[in-house]
Protein backbone atom coordinates (compact mmCIF):
# COMPACT_ATOMS: atom_id res chain seq x y z
CA MET A 1 0.00 0.00 0.00
CA ASN A 2 1.34 3.45 -0.89
CA ALA A 3 1.75 6.05 1.81
CA ASN A 4 -0.54 8.42 -0.09
CA GLU A 5 -3.42 5.91 -0.26
CA ASN A 6 -6.21 6.29 2.27
CA SER A 7 -7.61 3.06 3.60
CA SER A 8 -9.40 1.88 6.68
CA ALA A 9 -11.43 -1.04 7.87
CA GLN A 10 -14.26 -1.24 10.37
CA ILE A 11 -15.70 -4.41 11.83
CA CYS A 12 -19.18 -4.36 13.31
CA MET A 13 -19.63 -6.87 16.16
CA HIS A 14 -22.09 -7.43 19.00
CA ASN A 15 -22.07 -10.25 21.55
CA SER A 16 -19.07 -11.80 19.77
CA ARG A 17 -21.00 -12.05 16.47
CA LEU A 18 -19.69 -10.52 13.26
CA TYR A 19 -22.38 -8.35 11.64
CA GLY A 20 -20.48 -6.43 9.02
CA ILE A 21 -17.23 -5.25 7.57
CA SER A 22 -16.74 -1.86 6.00
CA LEU A 23 -13.60 -1.15 3.98
CA VAL A 24 -12.59 2.19 2.59
CA THR A 25 -9.84 1.89 0.03
CA GLY A 26 -7.73 4.41 -1.77
CA SER A 27 -7.29 4.25 -5.51
CA ASN A 28 -6.14 0.62 -5.59
CA PRO A 29 -8.56 -1.29 -7.90
CA GLN A 30 -7.83 -4.70 -6.30
CA LYS A 31 -8.68 -3.41 -2.85
CA LEU A 32 -11.83 -1.76 -4.19
CA LEU A 33 -12.89 -5.08 -5.75
CA ILE A 34 -12.27 -6.89 -2.46
CA ALA A 35 -14.31 -4.28 -0.60
CA LEU A 36 -17.18 -4.63 -3.07
CA LEU A 37 -17.14 -8.43 -2.81
CA LEU A 38 -17.12 -8.31 0.99
CA THR A 39 -19.99 -5.85 0.93
CA ALA A 40 -21.98 -8.23 -1.28
CA PHE A 41 -21.49 -11.16 1.11
CA VAL A 42 -21.47 -9.56 4.54
CA ALA A 43 -24.22 -7.42 6.07
CA GLY A 44 -23.45 -3.74 6.45
CA CYS A 45 -23.28 -2.01 9.79
CA GLY A 46 -26.58 -0.15 9.43
CA GLY A 47 -24.97 3.28 9.66
CA ASN A 48 -24.68 2.99 13.44
CA LEU A 49 -21.25 1.62 14.30
CA GLY A 50 -20.98 1.06 18.01
CA GLY A 51 -24.67 1.78 18.41
CA ASP A 52 -27.30 -0.02 20.38
CA PRO A 53 -28.77 -3.04 18.55
CA ALA A 54 -32.21 -2.17 19.92
CA GLY A 55 -31.84 1.29 18.45
CA GLY A 56 -31.37 0.03 14.93
CA GLY A 57 -27.59 -0.31 14.87
CA TYR A 58 -25.62 -3.38 13.99
CA GLY A 59 -26.92 -4.26 10.56
CA MET A 60 -27.30 -7.97 9.98
CA ALA A 61 -28.10 -10.49 7.33
CA ALA A 62 -31.83 -10.61 6.75
CA SER A 63 -31.91 -14.35 7.46
CA ASN A 64 -30.78 -13.67 11.06
CA ALA A 65 -33.56 -11.20 11.81
CA PRO A 66 -36.57 -12.73 13.57
CA SER A 67 -39.96 -12.22 11.97
CA VAL A 68 -43.66 -12.37 12.69
CA ILE A 69 -45.04 -15.47 10.98
CA ALA A 70 -48.69 -15.31 12.06
CA THR A 71 -51.16 -12.93 13.65
CA ALA A 72 -54.59 -13.18 15.18
CA PRO A 73 -56.68 -11.57 14.04
CA ALA A 74 -55.08 -11.95 10.63
CA ASP A 75 -54.32 -8.92 8.48
CA SER A 76 -57.52 -7.51 6.95
CA ASP A 77 -59.81 -9.72 9.07
CA THR A 78 -63.34 -8.38 9.46
CA ASN A 79 -66.07 -9.17 11.96
CA VAL A 80 -63.55 -9.84 14.72
CA MET A 81 -65.17 -10.37 18.11
CA ILE A 82 -64.90 -7.30 20.34
CA ASN A 83 -63.54 -9.32 23.28
CA THR A 84 -60.59 -10.72 21.36
CA ASP A 85 -56.92 -10.72 22.30
CA VAL A 86 -54.43 -9.70 19.60
CA THR A 87 -51.48 -12.04 19.07
CA ALA A 88 -48.27 -12.19 17.05
CA THR A 89 -46.32 -15.41 16.57
CA PHE A 90 -42.58 -15.19 15.91
CA ASN A 91 -40.37 -17.62 14.01
CA ARG A 92 -38.01 -17.99 17.00
CA ASP A 93 -37.73 -17.39 20.74
CA MET A 94 -37.81 -13.71 21.58
CA ASP A 95 -36.44 -11.66 24.47
CA SER A 96 -39.56 -11.16 26.60
CA THR A 97 -38.10 -8.01 28.18
CA THR A 98 -38.37 -6.28 24.78
CA ILE A 99 -42.05 -7.14 24.29
CA ASN A 100 -44.24 -4.67 26.17
CA THR A 101 -46.92 -2.00 25.72
CA THR A 102 -44.40 0.26 23.99
CA THR A 103 -43.27 -2.31 21.42
CA PHE A 104 -46.65 -4.07 20.90
CA THR A 105 -49.51 -1.63 20.42
CA VAL A 106 -53.06 -1.62 19.11
CA LEU A 107 -54.40 1.61 17.66
CA ASP A 108 -58.11 2.42 17.52
CA GLU A 109 -58.08 4.12 14.10
CA ASP A 110 -61.53 5.68 14.52
CA ALA A 111 -60.71 7.37 17.85
CA ALA A 112 -57.01 7.86 16.93
CA VAL A 113 -55.89 6.54 20.34
CA LEU A 114 -53.87 3.58 21.51
CA VAL A 115 -55.97 0.87 23.12
CA PRO A 116 -54.97 0.41 26.78
CA GLY A 117 -54.00 -3.15 27.59
CA VAL A 118 -51.51 -5.65 28.93
CA VAL A 119 -48.83 -7.45 26.92
CA SER A 120 -47.53 -10.92 27.72
CA TYR A 121 -45.17 -13.35 26.00
CA ALA A 122 -45.00 -17.16 26.15
CA GLY A 123 -43.30 -19.64 23.83
CA THR A 124 -43.09 -17.71 20.57
CA ILE A 125 -46.39 -15.84 20.97
CA ALA A 126 -46.84 -12.23 22.12
CA THR A 127 -50.36 -11.37 23.31
CA PHE A 128 -51.99 -7.96 23.67
CA HIS A 129 -54.98 -8.20 26.03
CA PRO A 130 -57.13 -5.03 25.91
CA ASN A 131 -58.26 -3.68 29.29
CA SER A 132 -61.84 -3.68 27.97
CA ASP A 133 -63.75 -4.82 24.90
CA LEU A 134 -62.82 -3.25 21.58
CA THR A 135 -65.40 -0.93 20.02
CA ALA A 136 -68.02 -2.61 17.83
CA ASN A 137 -67.61 -1.87 14.12
CA GLY A 138 -64.15 -0.43 14.85
CA ASN A 139 -61.01 -0.33 12.76
CA TYR A 140 -57.71 -1.24 14.39
CA THR A 141 -54.02 -1.38 13.54
CA ALA A 142 -51.71 -3.61 15.56
CA LYS A 143 -47.97 -2.99 15.52
CA ILE A 144 -44.82 -4.78 16.67
CA THR A 145 -41.89 -2.34 16.57
CA ALA A 146 -38.36 -3.03 15.41
CA ALA A 147 -37.21 -2.69 19.04
CA VAL A 148 -38.43 -6.26 19.67
CA MET A 149 -35.44 -8.62 19.80
CA SER A 150 -34.76 -12.34 19.76
CA LEU A 151 -33.02 -14.09 22.64
CA ASP A 152 -29.76 -14.06 20.67
CA GLY A 153 -29.84 -10.29 20.20
CA TYR A 154 -31.33 -9.82 16.73
CA ALA A 155 -34.02 -7.19 16.13
CA ILE A 156 -36.85 -7.68 13.67
CA ALA A 157 -35.97 -5.99 10.38
CA SER A 158 -38.67 -3.29 10.59
CA ASP A 159 -41.95 -2.46 12.29
CA PHE A 160 -44.62 -5.08 11.55
CA THR A 161 -48.22 -3.87 11.28
CA TRP A 162 -51.57 -5.45 10.47
CA ARG A 163 -55.14 -4.21 10.37
CA PHE A 164 -58.51 -5.66 11.32
CA SER A 165 -62.04 -4.54 12.04
CA THR A 166 -64.56 -5.68 14.65
CA GLN A 167 -68.06 -7.01 14.26
CA PRO A 168 -71.01 -4.61 14.27
């Protein structure tokens, strides 16, 4: 490497797991090619080197991110009973301390207010239990935020939302 070339490398790690490598090369075409190939095969660092994984830092391969695989009510369900609980099922074990009334919400779209309730987690299922019956003929949006994390420290890739409406 020439003395007038600028180059640096950054490695993004959390809990002893490699999440990304970022190389900045000077004008050397071989080093640029290596950097491009590494970028293609390794997840980037999400623009937040040294950041908090719950805050969106530590980019990761999409296959490592947990996901919601089922909901009840399902997206776009209609005629949902007003005394229903709202659930989200994940594809892996999640960190229960990250699943709460801030990260799992139900919005009453008609009143434009969050539904008060209690959130619990067991197995791979998060449950939102409203404090009282939902409004008849109401429209609702449920949301799991990207702050929800798996037991091994991975956050879901982005907020997950679904909508449903209650019976008249």
